[in-house]
């Protein structure tokens, strides 16, 4: 089992308790398609219960690594093949003649651009397993034409069999850096996270977590917000149709208290694949303490994948 990122140590229980509950918005629409040239498109729309709408259109293109024959030159020295470089070469020696074969391998970039209804242009460039095995580098930029402002971030991800580390750098704000790492061995996980402000030369936040994960169940304890908010979660996959999970949170700065659904809100969700490429999700929440009042919410989600 691969080592999860720090934010995903308690992912199984969080997804079960939070993800796919469609009542949080009045309606969601998502359309996915892929053009013959390999460009993927994703159109999203969302309408909230207070009549606010938002949407975005995203295009993603992946340029896979490849090798291209470059040239054939006369050469007199035998040279080794360097497989770590994007440009490699090798010689062919014959009586009275030596040849140099040169190859260029494209690094393999993934470009993603999204334009939102808030008039924001987001661009992401990714390079994976090219600088080093297991290393993924991202450059994210943001442009707001209305205010003529820019943003830029750099993210690094490094994965090995027993290690998963990440580093996030905001180049224009601060600059700031957030670094986290997780070590794993035979299902046991231990991780930590820290934020650093370069301009202030100070650690801005820190967190820690421990967990245990196997295919059937997982458990995790996290301490976030400078080790002041503690959460314990448990997830159990009973069978292919039944999953169970629980989560408890304690804030050391909010006094001694315990809560289980303290607002008396009950939520249900249902999703079904109506046909290949079309998924319908329905959700509702009910205020069990005020059943006679109009405090209940319903929502729907439509996903098209062409």
C-alpha atoms as a PDB file:
ATOM      1  CA  UNK A   1       0.000   0.000   0.000  1.00  0.00           C
ATOM      2  CA  UNK A   2       1.401   3.403  -0.985  1.00  0.00           C
ATOM      3  CA  UNK A   3       2.165   6.016   1.649  1.00  0.00           C
ATOM      4  CA  UNK A   4      -0.526   8.769   1.694  1.00  0.00           C
ATOM      5  CA  UNK A   5       0.151  12.503   1.824  1.00  0.00           C
ATOM      6  CA  UNK A   6      -0.108  14.192   5.213  1.00  0.00           C
ATOM      7  CA  UNK A   7      -3.558  15.621   4.451  1.00  0.00           C
ATOM      8  CA  UNK A   8      -4.796  12.143   3.421  1.00  0.00           C
ATOM      9  CA  UNK A   9      -3.878  10.180   6.564  1.00  0.00           C
ATOM     10  CA  UNK A  10      -7.540  10.289   7.638  1.00  0.00           C
ATOM     11  CA  UNK A  11      -8.900  10.437   4.072  1.00  0.00           C
ATOM     12  CA  UNK A  12     -11.042   7.275   4.189  1.00  0.00           C
ATOM     13  CA  UNK A  13     -13.176   8.417   7.122  1.00  0.00           C
ATOM     14  CA  UNK A  14     -13.274  12.050   5.951  1.00  0.00           C
ATOM     15  CA  UNK A  15     -14.532  11.033   2.504  1.00  0.00           C
ATOM     16  CA  UNK A  16     -17.190   8.772   3.977  1.00  0.00           C
ATOM     17  CA  UNK A  17     -18.482  11.460   6.354  1.00  0.00           C
ATOM     18  CA  UNK A  18     -18.132  14.524   4.108  1.00  0.00           C
ATOM     19  CA  UNK A  19     -17.760  13.637   0.433  1.00  0.00           C
ATOM     20  CA  UNK A  20     -20.747  13.083  -1.874  1.00  0.00           C
ATOM     21  CA  UNK A  21     -23.330  14.722   0.415  1.00  0.00           C
ATOM     22  CA  UNK A  22     -25.074  16.779  -2.262  1.00  0.00           C
ATOM     23  CA  UNK A  23     -27.305  18.927  -0.011  1.00  0.00           C
ATOM     24  CA  UNK A  24     -24.532  21.505   0.548  1.00  0.00           C
ATOM     25  CA  UNK A  25     -25.412  23.074  -2.833  1.00  0.00           C
ATOM     26  CA  UNK A  26     -28.714  23.425  -4.638  1.00  0.00           C
ATOM     27  CA  UNK A  27     -27.273  21.944  -7.830  1.00  0.00           C
ATOM     28  CA  UNK A  28     -23.951  20.893  -9.319  1.00  0.00           C
ATOM     29  CA  UNK A  29     -23.106  20.254 -12.944  1.00  0.00           C
ATOM     30  CA  UNK A  30     -19.896  18.705 -14.288  1.00  0.00           C
ATOM     31  CA  UNK A  31     -19.165  17.800 -17.907  1.00  0.00           C
ATOM     32  CA  UNK A  32     -15.982  15.975 -18.920  1.00  0.00           C
ATOM     33  CA  UNK A  33     -14.822  15.311 -22.461  1.00  0.00           C
ATOM     34  CA  UNK A  34     -11.631  14.521 -24.373  1.00  0.00           C
ATOM     35  CA  UNK A  35     -10.770  15.758 -27.859  1.00  0.00           C
ATOM     36  CA  UNK A  36      -9.091  13.516 -30.474  1.00  0.00           C
ATOM     37  CA  UNK A  37      -5.785  15.380 -30.012  1.00  0.00           C
ATOM     38  CA  UNK A  38      -5.643  14.347 -26.341  1.00  0.00           C
ATOM     39  CA  UNK A  39      -6.860  17.604 -24.764  1.00  0.00           C
ATOM     40  CA  UNK A  40      -9.252  16.998 -21.850  1.00  0.00           C
ATOM     41  CA  UNK A  41     -12.000  19.498 -21.047  1.00  0.00           C
ATOM     42  CA  UNK A  42     -13.873  19.858 -17.769  1.00  0.00           C
ATOM     43  CA  UNK A  43     -16.787  22.276 -17.367  1.00  0.00           C
ATOM     44  CA  UNK A  44     -18.136  22.845 -13.845  1.00  0.00           C
ATOM     45  CA  UNK A  45     -21.124  24.810 -12.566  1.00  0.00           C
ATOM     46  CA  UNK A  46     -22.523  25.277  -9.062  1.00  0.00           C
ATOM     47  CA  UNK A  47     -25.595  26.983  -7.642  1.00  0.00           C
ATOM     48  CA  UNK A  48     -25.745  27.563  -3.893  1.00  0.00           C
ATOM     49  CA  UNK A  49     -28.821  27.719  -1.675  1.00  0.00           C
ATOM     50  CA  UNK A  50     -28.493  31.517  -1.460  1.00  0.00           C
ATOM     51  CA  UNK A  51     -28.782  31.811  -5.279  1.00  0.00           C
ATOM     52  CA  UNK A  52     -25.081  32.415  -5.962  1.00  0.00           C
ATOM     53  CA  UNK A  53     -23.669  30.699  -9.036  1.00  0.00           C
ATOM     54  CA  UNK A  54     -20.100  29.905 -10.044  1.00  0.00           C
ATOM     55  CA  UNK A  55     -18.499  28.011 -12.858  1.00  0.00           C
ATOM     56  CA  UNK A  56     -15.270  27.242 -14.644  1.00  0.00           C
ATOM     57  CA  UNK A  57     -13.943  25.693 -17.848  1.00  0.00           C
ATOM     58  CA  UNK A  58     -10.695  23.752 -17.729  1.00  0.00           C
ATOM     59  CA  UNK A  59      -8.466  22.359 -20.490  1.00  0.00           C
ATOM     60  CA  UNK A  60      -5.643  19.874 -19.852  1.00  0.00           C
ATOM     61  CA  UNK A  61      -2.990  18.620 -22.267  1.00  0.00           C
ATOM     62  CA  UNK A  62      -0.258  16.083 -21.518  1.00  0.00           C
ATOM     63  CA  UNK A  63       2.836  15.945 -23.719  1.00  0.00           C
ATOM     64  CA  UNK A  64       4.187  12.460 -23.081  1.00  0.00           C
ATOM     65  CA  UNK A  65       7.970  11.910 -23.079  1.00  0.00           C
ATOM     66  CA  UNK A  66       9.334  10.654 -26.366  1.00  0.00           C
ATOM     67  CA  UNK A  67      12.603  10.239 -28.260  1.00  0.00           C
ATOM     68  CA  UNK A  68      13.338  11.975 -31.582  1.00  0.00           C
ATOM     69  CA  UNK A  69      16.298  11.277 -33.848  1.00  0.00           C
ATOM     70  CA  UNK A  70      18.265  14.496 -34.106  1.00  0.00           C
ATOM     71  CA  UNK A  71      21.323  14.159 -36.307  1.00  0.00           C
ATOM     72  CA  UNK A  72      24.038  11.933 -37.721  1.00  0.00           C
ATOM     73  CA  UNK A  73      27.546  13.373 -37.451  1.00  0.00           C
ATOM     74  CA  UNK A  74      31.111  12.288 -38.066  1.00  0.00           C
ATOM     75  CA  UNK A  75      32.868  11.753 -34.738  1.00  0.00           C
ATOM     76  CA  UNK A  76      36.141  10.185 -33.632  1.00  0.00           C
ATOM     77  CA  UNK A  77      35.640   9.428 -29.891  1.00  0.00           C
ATOM     78  CA  UNK A  78      33.534   6.763 -28.232  1.00  0.00           C
ATOM     79  CA  UNK A  79      31.107   8.365 -25.724  1.00  0.00           C
ATOM     80  CA  UNK A  80      28.931   6.605 -23.115  1.00  0.00           C
ATOM     81  CA  UNK A  81      25.146   6.783 -23.182  1.00  0.00           C
ATOM     82  CA  UNK A  82      23.825   9.062 -20.441  1.00  0.00           C
ATOM     83  CA  UNK A  83      20.258   7.951 -19.701  1.00  0.00           C
ATOM     84  CA  UNK A  84      19.748  10.605 -17.018  1.00  0.00           C
ATOM     85  CA  UNK A  85      19.888  13.498 -19.497  1.00  0.00           C
ATOM     86  CA  UNK A  86      17.180  14.596 -21.914  1.00  0.00           C
ATOM     87  CA  UNK A  87      19.849  14.632 -24.651  1.00  0.00           C
ATOM     88  CA  UNK A  88      21.660  11.296 -25.122  1.00  0.00           C
ATOM     89  CA  UNK A  89      24.205  10.216 -27.670  1.00  0.00           C
ATOM     90  CA  UNK A  90      26.228   7.181 -28.622  1.00  0.00           C
ATOM     91  CA  UNK A  91      28.918   6.384 -31.153  1.00  0.00           C
ATOM     92  CA  UNK A  92      29.178   3.736 -33.821  1.00  0.00           C
ATOM     93  CA  UNK A  93      32.778   2.813 -34.732  1.00  0.00           C
ATOM     94  CA  UNK A  94      33.747   1.160 -38.011  1.00  0.00           C
ATOM     95  CA  UNK A  95      37.097   0.823 -39.780  1.00  0.00           C
ATOM     96  CA  UNK A  96      37.970   4.318 -40.998  1.00  0.00           C
ATOM     97  CA  UNK A  97      34.729   5.843 -39.739  1.00  0.00           C
ATOM     98  CA  UNK A  98      33.036   6.841 -36.501  1.00  0.00           C
ATOM     99  CA  UNK A  99      29.440   8.053 -36.199  1.00  0.00           C
ATOM    100  CA  UNK A 100      27.580   9.969 -33.512  1.00  0.00           C
ATOM    101  CA  UNK A 101      23.883   9.330 -32.975  1.00  0.00           C
ATOM    102  CA  UNK A 102      22.128  12.024 -30.939  1.00  0.00           C
ATOM    103  CA  UNK A 103      18.667  11.748 -29.441  1.00  0.00           C
ATOM    104  CA  UNK A 104      16.454  14.276 -27.697  1.00  0.00           C
ATOM    105  CA  UNK A 105      13.745  13.117 -25.289  1.00  0.00           C
ATOM    106  CA  UNK A 106      10.897  15.534 -24.541  1.00  0.00           C
ATOM    107  CA  UNK A 107      10.547  15.997 -20.814  1.00  0.00           C
ATOM    108  CA  UNK A 108       6.817  15.302 -20.823  1.00  0.00           C
ATOM    109  CA  UNK A 109       4.866  18.324 -19.607  1.00  0.00           C
ATOM    110  CA  UNK A 110       1.233  18.513 -18.529  1.00  0.00           C
ATOM    111  CA  UNK A 111      -0.460  21.871 -19.077  1.00  0.00           C
ATOM    112  CA  UNK A 112      -3.791  22.724 -17.442  1.00  0.00           C
ATOM    113  CA  UNK A 113      -5.634  26.031 -17.816  1.00  0.00           C
ATOM    114  CA  UNK A 114      -8.938  27.052 -16.261  1.00  0.00           C
ATOM    115  CA  UNK A 115     -11.078  30.183 -16.663  1.00  0.00           C
ATOM    116  CA  UNK A 116     -13.704  30.834 -13.982  1.00  0.00           C
ATOM    117  CA  UNK A 117     -16.823  32.968 -13.852  1.00  0.00           C
ATOM    118  CA  UNK A 118     -14.951  35.177 -11.343  1.00  0.00           C
ATOM    119  CA  UNK A 119     -12.751  36.186 -14.310  1.00  0.00           C
ATOM    120  CA  UNK A 120      -9.666  34.360 -13.016  1.00  0.00           C
ATOM    121  CA  UNK A 121      -7.214  32.537 -15.284  1.00  0.00           C
ATOM    122  CA  UNK A 122      -5.405  29.635 -13.588  1.00  0.00           C
ATOM    123  CA  UNK A 123      -2.496  27.840 -15.252  1.00  0.00           C
ATOM    124  CA  UNK A 124      -0.640  24.750 -14.046  1.00  0.00           C
ATOM    125  CA  UNK A 125       2.460  23.127 -15.557  1.00  0.00           C
ATOM    126  CA  UNK A 126       3.524  19.700 -14.264  1.00  0.00           C
ATOM    127  CA  UNK A 127       6.668  17.619 -14.738  1.00  0.00           C
ATOM    128  CA  UNK A 128       6.760  14.136 -13.200  1.00  0.00           C
ATOM    129  CA  UNK A 129       9.593  11.591 -12.881  1.00  0.00           C
ATOM    130  CA  UNK A 130      11.928  13.662 -15.065  1.00  0.00           C
ATOM    131  CA  UNK A 131      14.087  15.537 -12.561  1.00  0.00           C
ATOM    132  CA  UNK A 132      14.293  12.445 -10.321  1.00  0.00           C
ATOM    133  CA  UNK A 133      12.376   9.214  -9.900  1.00  0.00           C
ATOM    134  CA  UNK A 134       9.345   9.801  -7.697  1.00  0.00           C
ATOM    135  CA  UNK A 135       9.593  13.607  -7.924  1.00  0.00           C
ATOM    136  CA  UNK A 136       6.780  15.725  -9.337  1.00  0.00           C
ATOM    137  CA  UNK A 137       7.124  19.489  -9.796  1.00  0.00           C
ATOM    138  CA  UNK A 138       4.294  21.955 -10.429  1.00  0.00           C
ATOM    139  CA  UNK A 139       4.192  25.626 -11.334  1.00  0.00           C
ATOM    140  CA  UNK A 140       0.836  27.326 -10.724  1.00  0.00           C
ATOM    141  CA  UNK A 141       0.068  30.850 -11.873  1.00  0.00           C
ATOM    142  CA  UNK A 142      -3.038  32.985 -11.464  1.00  0.00           C
ATOM    143  CA  UNK A 143      -4.026  36.121 -13.349  1.00  0.00           C
ATOM    144  CA  UNK A 144      -6.894  38.484 -12.504  1.00  0.00           C
ATOM    145  CA  UNK A 145      -7.426  40.802 -15.512  1.00  0.00           C
ATOM    146  CA  UNK A 146      -9.816  43.138 -13.672  1.00  0.00           C
ATOM    147  CA  UNK A 147      -7.263  44.136 -11.042  1.00  0.00           C
ATOM    148  CA  UNK A 148      -4.208  43.230 -13.165  1.00  0.00           C
ATOM    149  CA  UNK A 149      -2.781  41.140 -10.321  1.00  0.00           C
ATOM    150  CA  UNK A 150      -0.747  37.971 -10.485  1.00  0.00           C
ATOM    151  CA  UNK A 151      -0.026  34.980  -8.284  1.00  0.00           C
ATOM    152  CA  UNK A 152       2.533  32.208  -8.543  1.00  0.00           C
ATOM    153  CA  UNK A 153       3.121  29.028  -6.574  1.00  0.00           C
ATOM    154  CA  UNK A 154       5.559  26.137  -6.840  1.00  0.00           C
ATOM    155  CA  UNK A 155       4.746  22.678  -5.505  1.00  0.00           C
ATOM    156  CA  UNK A 156       7.030  19.670  -5.096  1.00  0.00           C
ATOM    157  CA  UNK A 157       5.926  16.078  -4.406  1.00  0.00           C
ATOM    158  CA  UNK A 158       8.364  13.270  -3.636  1.00  0.00           C
ATOM    159  CA  UNK A 159       7.214   9.667  -3.187  1.00  0.00           C
ATOM    160  CA  UNK A 160       9.223   6.591  -2.276  1.00  0.00           C
ATOM    161  CA  UNK A 161       8.059   3.169  -0.988  1.00  0.00           C
ATOM    162  CA  UNK A 162       8.079   4.295   2.686  1.00  0.00           C
ATOM    163  CA  UNK A 163       8.025   8.077   2.327  1.00  0.00           C
ATOM    164  CA  UNK A 164       5.748  10.808   0.980  1.00  0.00           C
ATOM    165  CA  UNK A 165       6.872  14.421   1.185  1.00  0.00           C
ATOM    166  CA  UNK A 166       5.437  17.659  -0.187  1.00  0.00           C
ATOM    167  CA  UNK A 167       6.529  21.292  -0.314  1.00  0.00           C
ATOM    168  CA  UNK A 168       4.316  24.243  -1.294  1.00  0.00           C
ATOM    169  CA  UNK A 169       5.788  27.685  -1.969  1.00  0.00           C
ATOM    170  CA  UNK A 170       3.760  30.877  -2.463  1.00  0.00           C
ATOM    171  CA  UNK A 171       6.163  33.138  -4.315  1.00  0.00           C
ATOM    172  CA  UNK A 172       4.222  36.429  -4.105  1.00  0.00           C
ATOM    173  CA  UNK A 173       2.622  36.249  -0.655  1.00  0.00           C
ATOM    174  CA  UNK A 174       5.283  36.335   1.999  1.00  0.00           C
ATOM    175  CA  UNK A 175       6.906  34.357   0.371  1.00  0.00           C
ATOM    176  CA  UNK A 176       5.633  31.428   2.405  1.00  0.00           C
ATOM    177  CA  UNK A 177       6.419  27.733   2.471  1.00  0.00           C
ATOM    178  CA  UNK A 178       4.455  24.746   3.757  1.00  0.00           C
ATOM    179  CA  UNK A 179       6.267  21.431   4.070  1.00  0.00           C
ATOM    180  CA  UNK A 180       4.883  18.086   5.204  1.00  0.00           C
ATOM    181  CA  UNK A 181       6.182  14.533   5.306  1.00  0.00           C
ATOM    182  CA  UNK A 182       4.842  11.073   6.137  1.00  0.00           C
ATOM    183  CA  UNK A 183       6.820   7.946   7.007  1.00  0.00           C
ATOM    184  CA  UNK A 184       5.194   4.536   6.815  1.00  0.00           C
ATOM    185  CA  UNK A 185       6.042   0.955   7.711  1.00  0.00           C
ATOM    186  CA  UNK A 186       3.730  -2.073   7.583  1.00  0.00           C
ATOM    187  CA  UNK A 187       0.598   0.078   7.806  1.00  0.00           C
ATOM    188  CA  UNK A 188       1.817   2.399  10.556  1.00  0.00           C
ATOM    189  CA  UNK A 189       2.008   6.078   9.603  1.00  0.00           C
ATOM    190  CA  UNK A 190       3.552   9.118  11.277  1.00  0.00           C
ATOM    191  CA  UNK A 191       3.561  12.585   9.741  1.00  0.00           C
ATOM    192  CA  UNK A 192       4.184  16.250  10.449  1.00  0.00           C
ATOM    193  CA  UNK A 193       3.514  19.589   8.773  1.00  0.00           C
ATOM    194  CA  UNK A 194       4.995  23.058   9.222  1.00  0.00           C
ATOM    195  CA  UNK A 195       4.422  26.478   7.677  1.00  0.00           C
ATOM    196  CA  UNK A 196       7.165  29.101   7.370  1.00  0.00           C
ATOM    197  CA  UNK A 197       7.036  32.805   6.477  1.00  0.00           C
ATOM    198  CA  UNK A 198      10.276  33.845   4.770  1.00  0.00           C
ATOM    199  CA  UNK A 199       9.781  37.588   5.299  1.00  0.00           C
ATOM    200  CA  UNK A 200       9.034  37.183   9.002  1.00  0.00           C
ATOM    201  CA  UNK A 201      11.574  34.360   9.391  1.00  0.00           C
ATOM    202  CA  UNK A 202       9.106  32.536  11.624  1.00  0.00           C
ATOM    203  CA  UNK A 203       7.177  29.265  11.742  1.00  0.00           C
ATOM    204  CA  UNK A 204       3.525  30.172  11.249  1.00  0.00           C
ATOM    205  CA  UNK A 205       1.844  26.835  11.997  1.00  0.00           C
ATOM    206  CA  UNK A 206       2.548  23.181  12.677  1.00  0.00           C
ATOM    207  CA  UNK A 207       0.622  19.917  12.884  1.00  0.00           C
ATOM    208  CA  UNK A 208       1.221  16.219  13.496  1.00  0.00           C
ATOM    209  CA  UNK A 209      -0.585  12.942  12.879  1.00  0.00           C
ATOM    210  CA  UNK A 210      -0.297   9.206  13.438  1.00  0.00           C
ATOM    211  CA  UNK A 211      -2.331   6.464  11.814  1.00  0.00           C
ATOM    212  CA  UNK A 212      -2.680   2.835  10.914  1.00  0.00           C
ATOM    213  CA  UNK A 213      -4.042   1.697   7.559  1.00  0.00           C
ATOM    214  CA  UNK A 214      -4.853  -1.708   6.096  1.00  0.00           C
ATOM    215  CA  UNK A 215      -7.241  -2.504   3.207  1.00  0.00           C
ATOM    216  CA  UNK A 216     -10.172  -3.327   5.539  1.00  0.00           C
ATOM    217  CA  UNK A 217      -9.928  -0.488   8.049  1.00  0.00           C
ATOM    218  CA  UNK A 218      -7.932   2.569   9.092  1.00  0.00           C
ATOM    219  CA  UNK A 219      -7.571   4.756  12.171  1.00  0.00           C
ATOM    220  CA  UNK A 220      -5.909   8.129  12.623  1.00  0.00           C
ATOM    221  CA  UNK A 221      -5.263  10.782  15.258  1.00  0.00           C
ATOM    222  CA  UNK A 222      -4.424  14.291  14.056  1.00  0.00           C
ATOM    223  CA  UNK A 223      -3.322  17.402  15.935  1.00  0.00           C
ATOM    224  CA  UNK A 224      -3.714  20.546  13.837  1.00  0.00           C
ATOM    225  CA  UNK A 225      -3.798  24.315  14.366  1.00  0.00           C
ATOM    226  CA  UNK A 226      -0.499  24.363  16.293  1.00  0.00           C
ATOM    227  CA  UNK A 227      -1.425  21.148  18.123  1.00  0.00           C
ATOM    228  CA  UNK A 228      -4.555  22.732  19.615  1.00  0.00           C
ATOM    229  CA  UNK A 229      -7.283  20.885  17.672  1.00  0.00           C
ATOM    230  CA  UNK A 230      -7.305  17.093  18.007  1.00  0.00           C
ATOM    231  CA  UNK A 231      -9.319  14.662  15.926  1.00  0.00           C
ATOM    232  CA  UNK A 232      -9.683  10.883  16.086  1.00  0.00           C
ATOM    233  CA  UNK A 233     -11.222   9.012  13.159  1.00  0.00           C
ATOM    234  CA  UNK A 234     -11.985   5.422  12.263  1.00  0.00           C
ATOM    235  CA  UNK A 235     -13.026   3.799   8.978  1.00  0.00           C
ATOM    236  CA  UNK A 236     -14.134   0.209   8.359  1.00  0.00           C
ATOM    237  CA  UNK A 237     -14.985  -1.363   5.023  1.00  0.00           C
ATOM    238  CA  UNK A 238     -17.430  -4.068   6.058  1.00  0.00           C
ATOM    239  CA  UNK A 239     -17.910  -5.413   2.527  1.00  0.00           C
ATOM    240  CA  UNK A 240     -18.159  -4.121  -1.035  1.00  0.00           C
ATOM    241  CA  UNK A 241     -21.538  -2.488  -0.271  1.00  0.00           C
ATOM    242  CA  UNK A 242     -21.196  -1.311   3.339  1.00  0.00           C
ATOM    243  CA  UNK A 243     -18.764   1.174   4.846  1.00  0.00           C
ATOM    244  CA  UNK A 244     -18.751   2.645   8.350  1.00  0.00           C
ATOM    245  CA  UNK A 245     -16.865   5.567   9.835  1.00  0.00           C
ATOM    246  CA  UNK A 246     -16.730   7.866  12.829  1.00  0.00           C
ATOM    247  CA  UNK A 247     -14.879  11.027  13.786  1.00  0.00           C
ATOM    248  CA  UNK A 248     -14.560  13.034  17.006  1.00  0.00           C
ATOM    249  CA  UNK A 249     -12.941  16.466  17.379  1.00  0.00           C
ATOM    250  CA  UNK A 250     -11.733  18.328  20.470  1.00  0.00           C
ATOM    251  CA  UNK A 251     -10.542  21.943  20.496  1.00  0.00           C
ATOM    252  CA  UNK A 252      -8.296  22.596  23.502  1.00  0.00           C
ATOM    253  CA  UNK A 253      -8.870  26.352  23.200  1.00  0.00           C
ATOM    254  CA  UNK A 254     -12.652  26.125  23.219  1.00  0.00           C
ATOM    255  CA  UNK A 255     -13.105  24.626  26.685  1.00  0.00           C
ATOM    256  CA  UNK A 256     -13.995  21.078  27.635  1.00  0.00           C
ATOM    257  CA  UNK A 257     -16.873  19.773  25.579  1.00  0.00           C
ATOM    258  CA  UNK A 258     -17.903  16.802  23.512  1.00  0.00           C
ATOM    259  CA  UNK A 259     -20.243  16.823  20.559  1.00  0.00           C
ATOM    260  CA  UNK A 260     -21.864  14.410  18.214  1.00  0.00           C
ATOM    261  CA  UNK A 261     -23.838  16.225  15.540  1.00  0.00           C
ATOM    262  CA  UNK A 262     -24.426  19.063  17.972  1.00  0.00           C
ATOM    263  CA  UNK A 263     -26.912  20.855  15.664  1.00  0.00           C
ATOM    264  CA  UNK A 264     -29.110  17.806  15.211  1.00  0.00           C
ATOM    265  CA  UNK A 265     -28.593  17.697  11.449  1.00  0.00           C
ATOM    266  CA  UNK A 266     -29.169  14.377   9.691  1.00  0.00           C
ATOM    267  CA  UNK A 267     -27.969  14.007   6.110  1.00  0.00           C
ATOM    268  CA  UNK A 268     -28.494  11.341   3.467  1.00  0.00           C
ATOM    269  CA  UNK A 269     -27.034  10.935   0.006  1.00  0.00           C
ATOM    270  CA  UNK A 270     -27.562   8.689  -2.981  1.00  0.00           C
ATOM    271  CA  UNK A 271     -25.780   8.428  -6.316  1.00  0.00           C
ATOM    272  CA  UNK A 272     -26.399   6.157  -9.271  1.00  0.00           C
ATOM    273  CA  UNK A 273     -24.797   5.549 -12.664  1.00  0.00           C
ATOM    274  CA  UNK A 274     -27.807   5.971 -14.945  1.00  0.00           C
ATOM    275  CA  UNK A 275     -25.836   5.012 -18.025  1.00  0.00           C
ATOM    276  CA  UNK A 276     -22.143   4.955 -19.001  1.00  0.00           C
ATOM    277  CA  UNK A 277     -20.862   8.526 -18.664  1.00  0.00           C
ATOM    278  CA  UNK A 278     -23.843   9.930 -16.733  1.00  0.00           C
ATOM    279  CA  UNK A 279     -23.973   9.937 -12.924  1.00  0.00           C
ATOM    280  CA  UNK A 280     -26.818  11.407 -10.866  1.00  0.00           C
ATOM    281  CA  UNK A 281     -26.396  12.355  -7.209  1.00  0.00           C
ATOM    282  CA  UNK A 282     -29.180  13.329  -4.804  1.00  0.00           C
ATOM    283  CA  UNK A 283     -28.834  14.582  -1.251  1.00  0.00           C
ATOM    284  CA  UNK A 284     -30.861  16.043   1.594  1.00  0.00           C
ATOM    285  CA  UNK A 285     -30.317  17.281   5.138  1.00  0.00           C
ATOM    286  CA  UNK A 286     -32.937  17.529   7.873  1.00  0.00           C
ATOM    287  CA  UNK A 287     -32.940  19.579  11.052  1.00  0.00           C
ATOM    288  CA  UNK A 288     -34.163  16.970  13.537  1.00  0.00           C
ATOM    289  CA  UNK A 289     -34.668  19.617  16.228  1.00  0.00           C
ATOM    290  CA  UNK A 290     -36.938  21.737  14.012  1.00  0.00           C
ATOM    291  CA  UNK A 291     -38.785  19.307  11.791  1.00  0.00           C
ATOM    292  CA  UNK A 292     -41.725  21.695  11.314  1.00  0.00           C
ATOM    293  CA  UNK A 293     -39.554  24.578  10.089  1.00  0.00           C
ATOM    294  CA  UNK A 294     -38.184  25.235   6.627  1.00  0.00           C
ATOM    295  CA  UNK A 295     -34.595  24.509   7.611  1.00  0.00           C
ATOM    296  CA  UNK A 296     -34.128  21.418   5.472  1.00  0.00           C
ATOM    297  CA  UNK A 297     -31.978  21.361   2.336  1.00  0.00           C
ATOM    298  CA  UNK A 298     -31.951  19.271  -0.821  1.00  0.00           C
ATOM    299  CA  UNK A 299     -29.428  19.161  -3.631  1.00  0.00           C
ATOM    300  CA  UNK A 300     -28.618  17.401  -6.879  1.00  0.00           C
ATOM    301  CA  UNK A 301     -25.476  16.688  -8.879  1.00  0.00           C
ATOM    302  CA  UNK A 302     -25.153  15.851 -12.575  1.00  0.00           C
ATOM    303  CA  UNK A 303     -21.873  14.508 -13.985  1.00  0.00           C
ATOM    304  CA  UNK A 304     -21.355  13.812 -17.693  1.00  0.00           C
ATOM    305  CA  UNK A 305     -18.158  12.036 -18.778  1.00  0.00           C
ATOM    306  CA  UNK A 306     -17.862  11.676 -22.554  1.00  0.00           C
END
